[in-house]
Amino acid sequence: MPRHYAVALILLSALGFGGMAMFAKIAYAAGISPTMLLTLRFTLAVAMLAPVIRFRRIALPRGRALAGFVLMGALYTAQSQSYFTALLYASSGLVGLLLYIYPVLVTLLAVLFGWEKPDRRTLLLMAMAMAGMAITLGGHLEGRPLGIALGLLAAAVYAVYIVIGSRLTQDTDSLAATLVVLATAAVGNGALAVAAGAALPHSTTAWLAIGAIAFSTVIAIAAFLIGIKYIGAAQASIISTLEPVITLCLGVALFGESVSASQLAGGALVLTAVILLARRPVRDRREDAPSSDRQGSLDPD
């Protein structure tokens, strides 16, 4: 796959994830709890994707690959729960800022395990994106220690999720991997919803909002897992810092939310970093992999 296609997929993923916050606001206004929202999000996403997998006769992963994607689903459950619970104890700006340190953690993990060798240019662009993201999310950054701890936990768990995904997706169909991740997250969040006694939504508006979130989830996760296969975990995570900028833009366009000059400047910094990263000379990151890692690899795309 050409590099610019992979970058476009990561941008599509950022659009999907960035838009979910808008639909979540609608669902919350209709009275649904975060736990039930997450349960229905992943359950409906599985219902949407499973027929596609069956129609295309895509084989699901087995053995160690299956176990790895189940682990990713469990990590995604933990990340989602940590993030949404953190919002109860800290401002959304602070929680968002804490979550988006994950590109730094992803890069550190990838380098630590010797899977990637980011150059000075990539590190500089990562710093630019992080600075822009911090400015964009700036404002009332208030929070209790529990909220801060959960925000950091969400970032750490997501970083591990991305690093594992960058390795597992090399030899597995990305849609099949997405289905396993979604199904595991649906079961995990469902168990938590039942334990908490969460109720189903009663309004059509809430169901429509949740349906939109579920559809965005399928597109966002699948696009991310395909794109990360070709550009690596570190660069994919940097491009994903565009998510809060997308959320900000959608908030202005759909809900008439106000935006400050500093937020516009921060968004411009993130966008500049992403554009410069996307213009990096094409190179197949799998060329550096040992021959044993390349043999027998599948290219479903």
Foldseek 3Di string as FASTA:
>chain_A
DFLLLLLVLLVLLLLLLLVLVVLVVLLVVLPFDLLVLLLLLLVLLLVVLVVVCVVVVFDADDDPLLVLLLVLLVLVLLLSVLLVVLVVFWPPLQLQLLQLVLLVVLVVVCVVVPNDDDDPLLVVLLVLLSVLLNLLSDDRGDGDPSSSVSSNSSSNSVSVSLQSLLQSLQFGQLSSSLSSSSVSSSVSSVVVCVVVVTDDRDDPSSVVSSSSSNVSSSSSSSSLSLSCNFPHSNLSSLLSSLNNVSNVVCCCVPVVDDGDPSSVVSNVSSVVSSVVSSPPDDDGSCVPPPPVSVPNGDDPD
